[in-house]
Amino acid sequence: MYKRDFTPERISELKDNEIFVFGSNLAGSHGGGAAWLAYERFGAVWGQGVGLQGQSYGIPTMQGGVETIRPYVDEFIAFAAEHTEYLFLVTRIGCGIAGFTPQEMAPLFAKAIDMENVLLPKAFVDIIQK
């Protein structure tokens, strides 16, 4: 059962131990949406589409269907499990420019539901817990 805060709808600043988890593209062209915010404010690196970069973590969502995203989400969950010193704020990954719905994306994060250092959007939690 998820018993902690949800990822805020709007994130404009981070504490030192917080990581902004956003949907990116494999080329690391952070031109819009949460990717642009990650680039402008939280250290995302232009040209890097995957993984930890500054106070952000990119998960590619623009390369195909949901099943092409799953390996990157699994990689993120493994990374978060190894780095409990950080609090990961997962945005509504894939639900903006990439065009997926929360119903499509939320199940990818089901393994993170009990991780104390991962905050998920309320919409994702509601879907996972049904």
N, C-alpha and C. Protein backbone atom coordinates (compact mmCIF):
# COMPACT_ATOMS: atom_id res chain seq x y z
N MET A 1 0.84 -1.19 0.00
CA MET A 1 0.00 0.00 0.00
C MET A 1 0.88 1.25 0.00
N TYR A 2 0.59 2.17 -0.84
CA TYR A 2 1.35 3.42 -1.00
C TYR A 2 0.95 4.37 0.12
N LYS A 3 1.91 4.70 1.01
CA LYS A 3 1.60 5.55 2.16
C LYS A 3 2.60 6.69 2.29
N ARG A 4 2.72 7.47 1.23
CA ARG A 4 3.60 8.65 1.28
C ARG A 4 3.07 9.68 0.30
N ASP A 5 3.77 10.77 0.19
CA ASP A 5 3.34 11.83 -0.71
C ASP A 5 3.33 11.34 -2.15
N PHE A 6 2.63 12.08 -2.98
CA PHE A 6 2.65 11.87 -4.41
C PHE A 6 3.60 12.89 -5.03
N THR A 7 4.05 12.61 -6.24
CA THR A 7 4.85 13.61 -6.95
C THR A 7 3.98 14.85 -7.14
N PRO A 8 4.49 16.03 -6.79
CA PRO A 8 3.71 17.26 -7.01
C PRO A 8 3.40 17.44 -8.49
N GLU A 9 2.26 18.07 -8.78
CA GLU A 9 1.88 18.34 -10.17
C GLU A 9 2.88 19.30 -10.84
N ARG A 10 3.34 20.27 -10.10
CA ARG A 10 4.31 21.25 -10.61
C ARG A 10 5.55 21.21 -9.72
N ILE A 11 6.69 21.07 -10.35
CA ILE A 11 7.96 21.05 -9.62
C ILE A 11 8.81 22.18 -10.17
N SER A 12 9.16 23.11 -9.30
CA SER A 12 9.98 24.23 -9.76
C SER A 12 11.34 24.28 -9.07
N GLU A 13 11.48 23.53 -8.00
CA GLU A 13 12.77 23.45 -7.32
C GLU A 13 12.89 22.11 -6.63
N LEU A 14 14.12 21.73 -6.34
CA LEU A 14 14.40 20.45 -5.70
C LEU A 14 15.28 20.63 -4.48
N LYS A 15 15.11 19.78 -3.50
CA LYS A 15 16.04 19.71 -2.38
C LYS A 15 17.29 18.98 -2.88
N ASP A 16 18.37 19.07 -2.11
CA ASP A 16 19.65 18.50 -2.55
C ASP A 16 19.57 17.02 -2.88
N ASN A 17 18.75 16.27 -2.19
CA ASN A 17 18.70 14.82 -2.39
C ASN A 17 17.59 14.38 -3.36
N GLU A 18 16.90 15.32 -3.99
CA GLU A 18 15.77 14.98 -4.86
C GLU A 18 16.20 14.92 -6.33
N ILE A 19 15.61 13.96 -7.04
CA ILE A 19 15.90 13.76 -8.47
C ILE A 19 14.58 13.84 -9.24
N PHE A 20 14.56 14.67 -10.27
CA PHE A 20 13.41 14.87 -11.15
C PHE A 20 13.45 13.80 -12.23
N VAL A 21 12.46 12.91 -12.26
CA VAL A 21 12.43 11.81 -13.22
C VAL A 21 11.45 12.18 -14.34
N PHE A 22 11.97 12.25 -15.56
CA PHE A 22 11.19 12.80 -16.67
C PHE A 22 11.26 11.90 -17.90
N GLY A 23 10.29 12.08 -18.78
CA GLY A 23 10.29 11.39 -20.06
C GLY A 23 11.15 12.14 -21.05
N SER A 24 12.02 11.39 -21.72
CA SER A 24 12.94 12.00 -22.67
C SER A 24 12.83 11.30 -24.02
N ASN A 25 13.76 11.58 -24.89
CA ASN A 25 13.89 10.82 -26.13
C ASN A 25 15.31 10.30 -26.18
N LEU A 26 15.54 9.27 -26.98
CA LEU A 26 16.85 8.62 -26.99
C LEU A 26 17.98 9.56 -27.40
N ALA A 27 17.66 10.57 -28.21
CA ALA A 27 18.69 11.52 -28.66
C ALA A 27 19.05 12.54 -27.59
N GLY A 28 18.25 12.62 -26.54
CA GLY A 28 18.51 13.62 -25.51
C GLY A 28 18.25 15.04 -25.98
N SER A 29 17.32 15.20 -26.89
CA SER A 29 16.91 16.53 -27.35
C SER A 29 15.78 16.99 -26.44
N HIS A 30 16.13 17.70 -25.39
CA HIS A 30 15.18 18.08 -24.34
C HIS A 30 14.46 19.37 -24.70
N GLY A 31 13.66 19.31 -25.77
CA GLY A 31 13.07 20.52 -26.33
C GLY A 31 11.71 20.92 -25.82
N GLY A 32 11.05 20.11 -25.02
CA GLY A 32 9.71 20.49 -24.58
C GLY A 32 9.27 19.72 -23.35
N GLY A 33 8.19 20.16 -22.77
CA GLY A 33 7.58 19.48 -21.63
C GLY A 33 8.51 19.35 -20.44
N ALA A 34 8.40 18.22 -19.75
CA ALA A 34 9.22 17.98 -18.56
C ALA A 34 10.70 17.89 -18.92
N ALA A 35 11.00 17.43 -20.14
CA ALA A 35 12.40 17.33 -20.55
C ALA A 35 13.05 18.72 -20.61
N TRP A 36 12.31 19.69 -21.10
CA TRP A 36 12.83 21.06 -21.15
C TRP A 36 13.08 21.59 -19.73
N LEU A 37 12.14 21.32 -18.83
CA LEU A 37 12.32 21.73 -17.44
C LEU A 37 13.55 21.05 -16.83
N ALA A 38 13.71 19.76 -17.11
CA ALA A 38 14.88 19.04 -16.61
C ALA A 38 16.17 19.67 -17.13
N TYR A 39 16.17 20.07 -18.38
CA TYR A 39 17.34 20.69 -18.99
C TYR A 39 17.59 22.09 -18.44
N GLU A 40 16.53 22.88 -18.34
CA GLU A 40 16.66 24.27 -17.90
C GLU A 40 16.99 24.41 -16.41
N ARG A 41 16.44 23.52 -15.58
CA ARG A 41 16.55 23.71 -14.14
C ARG A 41 17.30 22.63 -13.37
N PHE A 42 17.28 21.40 -13.89
CA PHE A 42 17.73 20.29 -13.04
C PHE A 42 18.90 19.50 -13.61
N GLY A 43 19.64 20.08 -14.54
CA GLY A 43 20.90 19.49 -14.96
C GLY A 43 20.85 18.43 -16.04
N ALA A 44 19.71 18.25 -16.71
CA ALA A 44 19.67 17.30 -17.82
C ALA A 44 20.68 17.74 -18.87
N VAL A 45 21.35 16.78 -19.47
CA VAL A 45 22.41 17.04 -20.43
C VAL A 45 21.88 16.88 -21.85
N TRP A 46 22.03 17.93 -22.66
CA TRP A 46 21.60 17.85 -24.05
C TRP A 46 22.43 16.76 -24.73
N GLY A 47 21.75 15.83 -25.38
CA GLY A 47 22.43 14.73 -26.03
C GLY A 47 22.45 13.44 -25.22
N GLN A 48 22.00 13.49 -23.98
CA GLN A 48 21.90 12.29 -23.14
C GLN A 48 20.42 12.02 -22.86
N GLY A 49 19.89 10.94 -23.38
CA GLY A 49 18.48 10.65 -23.24
C GLY A 49 18.12 9.71 -22.11
N VAL A 50 19.12 9.04 -21.52
CA VAL A 50 18.85 7.99 -20.54
C VAL A 50 19.69 8.20 -19.28
N GLY A 51 19.05 7.99 -18.14
CA GLY A 51 19.78 7.90 -16.89
C GLY A 51 19.95 9.20 -16.13
N LEU A 52 20.80 9.11 -15.10
CA LEU A 52 21.05 10.23 -14.20
C LEU A 52 21.87 11.31 -14.90
N GLN A 53 21.42 12.54 -14.75
CA GLN A 53 22.10 13.70 -15.30
C GLN A 53 21.78 14.89 -14.41
N GLY A 54 22.76 15.36 -13.66
CA GLY A 54 22.51 16.41 -12.68
C GLY A 54 21.52 15.91 -11.64
N GLN A 55 20.46 16.70 -11.41
CA GLN A 55 19.40 16.30 -10.49
C GLN A 55 18.19 15.81 -11.26
N SER A 56 18.44 15.13 -12.35
CA SER A 56 17.35 14.59 -13.15
C SER A 56 17.73 13.19 -13.63
N TYR A 57 16.68 12.45 -14.02
CA TYR A 57 16.87 11.10 -14.54
C TYR A 57 15.93 10.94 -15.73
N GLY A 58 16.50 10.66 -16.91
CA GLY A 58 15.72 10.54 -18.13
C GLY A 58 15.30 9.12 -18.44
N ILE A 59 14.02 8.95 -18.78
CA ILE A 59 13.48 7.68 -19.24
C ILE A 59 12.90 7.91 -20.64
N PRO A 60 13.49 7.31 -21.68
CA PRO A 60 13.00 7.53 -23.04
C PRO A 60 11.58 7.01 -23.24
N THR A 61 10.76 7.85 -23.90
CA THR A 61 9.36 7.51 -24.13
C THR A 61 8.93 7.75 -25.58
N MET A 62 9.82 8.17 -26.44
CA MET A 62 9.44 8.61 -27.79
C MET A 62 9.85 7.64 -28.89
N GLN A 63 10.28 6.44 -28.55
CA GLN A 63 10.86 5.55 -29.55
C GLN A 63 9.93 4.45 -30.04
N GLY A 64 8.69 4.43 -29.58
CA GLY A 64 7.76 3.40 -30.01
C GLY A 64 6.66 3.21 -28.99
N GLY A 65 6.15 2.00 -28.89
CA GLY A 65 5.07 1.70 -27.96
C GLY A 65 5.52 1.51 -26.52
N VAL A 66 4.56 1.22 -25.68
CA VAL A 66 4.81 1.07 -24.24
C VAL A 66 5.89 0.02 -23.97
N GLU A 67 5.87 -1.08 -24.72
CA GLU A 67 6.85 -2.14 -24.46
C GLU A 67 8.28 -1.70 -24.74
N THR A 68 8.48 -0.66 -25.54
CA THR A 68 9.83 -0.15 -25.77
C THR A 68 10.30 0.71 -24.60
N ILE A 69 9.36 1.15 -23.78
CA ILE A 69 9.67 1.99 -22.62
C ILE A 69 9.99 1.13 -21.39
N ARG A 70 9.35 -0.04 -21.29
CA ARG A 70 9.49 -0.91 -20.12
C ARG A 70 10.94 -1.16 -19.69
N PRO A 71 11.86 -1.51 -20.60
CA PRO A 71 13.23 -1.78 -20.15
C PRO A 71 13.89 -0.58 -19.47
N TYR A 72 13.55 0.62 -19.93
CA TYR A 72 14.13 1.82 -19.34
C TYR A 72 13.53 2.10 -17.96
N VAL A 73 12.24 1.80 -17.79
CA VAL A 73 11.62 1.95 -16.47
C VAL A 73 12.21 0.92 -15.52
N ASP A 74 12.38 -0.31 -15.98
CA ASP A 74 13.00 -1.34 -15.13
C ASP A 74 14.41 -0.93 -14.72
N GLU A 75 15.15 -0.36 -15.65
CA GLU A 75 16.51 0.13 -15.36
C GLU A 75 16.45 1.24 -14.30
N PHE A 76 15.50 2.14 -14.44
CA PHE A 76 15.33 3.21 -13.45
C PHE A 76 15.01 2.62 -12.07
N ILE A 77 14.09 1.67 -11.99
CA ILE A 77 13.70 1.09 -10.70
C ILE A 77 14.91 0.41 -10.05
N ALA A 78 15.71 -0.29 -10.82
CA ALA A 78 16.93 -0.91 -10.29
C ALA A 78 17.89 0.16 -9.78
N PHE A 79 18.02 1.25 -10.53
CA PHE A 79 18.91 2.34 -10.12
C PHE A 79 18.42 2.96 -8.81
N ALA A 80 17.12 3.21 -8.72
CA ALA A 80 16.55 3.80 -7.50
C ALA A 80 16.75 2.88 -6.30
N ALA A 81 16.63 1.58 -6.51
CA ALA A 81 16.83 0.61 -5.42
C ALA A 81 18.26 0.64 -4.90
N GLU A 82 19.21 0.93 -5.78
CA GLU A 82 20.62 1.00 -5.40
C GLU A 82 21.00 2.35 -4.81
N HIS A 83 20.17 3.36 -5.00
CA HIS A 83 20.51 4.73 -4.57
C HIS A 83 19.44 5.29 -3.64
N THR A 84 19.36 4.69 -2.48
CA THR A 84 18.35 5.10 -1.50
C THR A 84 18.67 6.45 -0.86
N GLU A 85 19.83 6.99 -1.15
CA GLU A 85 20.17 8.32 -0.64
C GLU A 85 19.38 9.41 -1.37
N TYR A 86 18.77 9.07 -2.49
CA TYR A 86 17.99 10.02 -3.27
C TYR A 86 16.50 9.77 -3.12
N LEU A 87 15.71 10.84 -3.29
CA LEU A 87 14.25 10.74 -3.39
C LEU A 87 13.91 11.07 -4.84
N PHE A 88 13.35 10.11 -5.55
CA PHE A 88 13.04 10.25 -6.97
C PHE A 88 11.60 10.70 -7.15
N LEU A 89 11.42 11.83 -7.82
CA LEU A 89 10.09 12.39 -8.08
C LEU A 89 9.71 12.06 -9.52
N VAL A 90 8.92 11.01 -9.68
CA VAL A 90 8.53 10.54 -11.01
C VAL A 90 7.37 11.41 -11.52
N THR A 91 7.59 12.04 -12.66
CA THR A 91 6.53 12.83 -13.29
C THR A 91 5.58 11.89 -14.02
N ARG A 92 4.56 12.44 -14.65
CA ARG A 92 3.61 11.62 -15.44
C ARG A 92 4.29 11.27 -16.77
N ILE A 93 5.32 10.48 -16.65
CA ILE A 93 6.17 10.10 -17.77
C ILE A 93 5.34 9.52 -18.91
N GLY A 94 5.59 10.02 -20.11
CA GLY A 94 4.94 9.52 -21.31
C GLY A 94 3.55 10.07 -21.56
N CYS A 95 3.02 10.84 -20.62
CA CYS A 95 1.63 11.30 -20.72
C CYS A 95 1.51 12.72 -21.27
N GLY A 96 2.59 13.26 -21.77
CA GLY A 96 2.55 14.60 -22.37
C GLY A 96 2.80 14.48 -23.86
N ILE A 97 3.93 14.96 -24.30
CA ILE A 97 4.28 14.98 -25.71
C ILE A 97 4.29 13.58 -26.32
N ALA A 98 4.68 12.57 -25.56
CA ALA A 98 4.75 11.19 -26.09
C ALA A 98 3.37 10.62 -26.40
N GLY A 99 2.33 11.15 -25.76
CA GLY A 99 0.96 10.80 -26.12
C GLY A 99 0.36 9.56 -25.49
N PHE A 100 0.99 9.00 -24.46
CA PHE A 100 0.43 7.84 -23.78
C PHE A 100 -0.53 8.29 -22.68
N THR A 101 -1.35 7.37 -22.21
CA THR A 101 -2.27 7.66 -21.11
C THR A 101 -1.69 7.14 -19.80
N PRO A 102 -2.17 7.67 -18.67
CA PRO A 102 -1.74 7.10 -17.39
C PRO A 102 -2.05 5.61 -17.29
N GLN A 103 -3.15 5.16 -17.88
CA GLN A 103 -3.51 3.74 -17.86
C GLN A 103 -2.46 2.88 -18.57
N GLU A 104 -1.81 3.45 -19.58
CA GLU A 104 -0.75 2.73 -20.30
C GLU A 104 0.57 2.78 -19.55
N MET A 105 0.87 3.90 -18.92
CA MET A 105 2.19 4.09 -18.31
C MET A 105 2.29 3.60 -16.87
N ALA A 106 1.25 3.79 -16.08
CA ALA A 106 1.31 3.46 -14.66
C ALA A 106 1.76 2.02 -14.38
N PRO A 107 1.24 1.02 -15.10
CA PRO A 107 1.65 -0.35 -14.78
C PRO A 107 3.15 -0.60 -14.89
N LEU A 108 3.84 0.18 -15.70
CA LEU A 108 5.29 0.04 -15.81
C LEU A 108 5.98 0.33 -14.48
N PHE A 109 5.35 1.13 -13.63
CA PHE A 109 5.95 1.55 -12.37
C PHE A 109 5.44 0.74 -11.17
N ALA A 110 4.71 -0.33 -11.42
CA ALA A 110 4.11 -1.12 -10.33
C ALA A 110 5.16 -1.63 -9.35
N LYS A 111 6.34 -2.00 -9.84
CA LYS A 111 7.40 -2.51 -8.95
C LYS A 111 7.94 -1.43 -8.02
N ALA A 112 7.67 -0.17 -8.31
CA ALA A 112 8.17 0.93 -7.48
C ALA A 112 7.17 1.35 -6.41
N ILE A 113 6.00 0.75 -6.39
CA ILE A 113 4.92 1.21 -5.50
C ILE A 113 5.31 1.16 -4.02
N ASP A 114 6.16 0.22 -3.63
CA ASP A 114 6.55 0.10 -2.23
C ASP A 114 7.95 0.65 -1.94
N MET A 115 8.54 1.31 -2.89
CA MET A 115 9.88 1.87 -2.68
C MET A 115 9.76 3.23 -1.98
N GLU A 116 10.31 3.30 -0.80
CA GLU A 116 10.22 4.52 0.02
C GLU A 116 10.86 5.74 -0.64
N ASN A 117 11.82 5.53 -1.51
CA ASN A 117 12.55 6.66 -2.11
C ASN A 117 12.04 7.02 -3.50
N VAL A 118 10.86 6.52 -3.87
CA VAL A 118 10.27 6.85 -5.17
C VAL A 118 8.86 7.40 -4.94
N LEU A 119 8.64 8.65 -5.35
CA LEU A 119 7.30 9.23 -5.31
C LEU A 119 6.71 9.12 -6.71
N LEU A 120 5.46 8.69 -6.76
CA LEU A 120 4.76 8.53 -8.03
C LEU A 120 3.61 9.53 -8.13
N PRO A 121 3.19 9.87 -9.34
CA PRO A 121 2.02 10.73 -9.50
C PRO A 121 0.77 10.02 -8.96
N LYS A 122 -0.16 10.78 -8.40
CA LYS A 122 -1.38 10.20 -7.85
C LYS A 122 -2.12 9.36 -8.87
N ALA A 123 -2.18 9.83 -10.11
CA ALA A 123 -2.88 9.09 -11.17
C ALA A 123 -2.26 7.70 -11.36
N PHE A 124 -0.94 7.61 -11.30
CA PHE A 124 -0.27 6.31 -11.45
C PHE A 124 -0.59 5.41 -10.26
N VAL A 125 -0.52 5.94 -9.06
CA VAL A 125 -0.78 5.15 -7.85
C VAL A 125 -2.22 4.62 -7.88
N ASP A 126 -3.17 5.48 -8.22
CA ASP A 126 -4.57 5.06 -8.26
C ASP A 126 -4.77 3.88 -9.22
N ILE A 127 -4.11 3.93 -10.36
CA ILE A 127 -4.22 2.86 -11.35
C ILE A 127 -3.54 1.58 -10.87
N ILE A 128 -2.35 1.71 -10.33
CA ILE A 128 -1.59 0.54 -9.86
C ILE A 128 -2.35 -0.17 -8.73
N GLN A 129 -2.97 0.59 -7.86
CA GLN A 129 -3.62 0.00 -6.68
C GLN A 129 -5.01 -0.56 -6.96
N LYS A 130 -5.54 -0.39 -8.17
CA LYS A 130 -6.87 -0.94 -8.50
C LYS A 130 -6.81 -2.44 -8.61
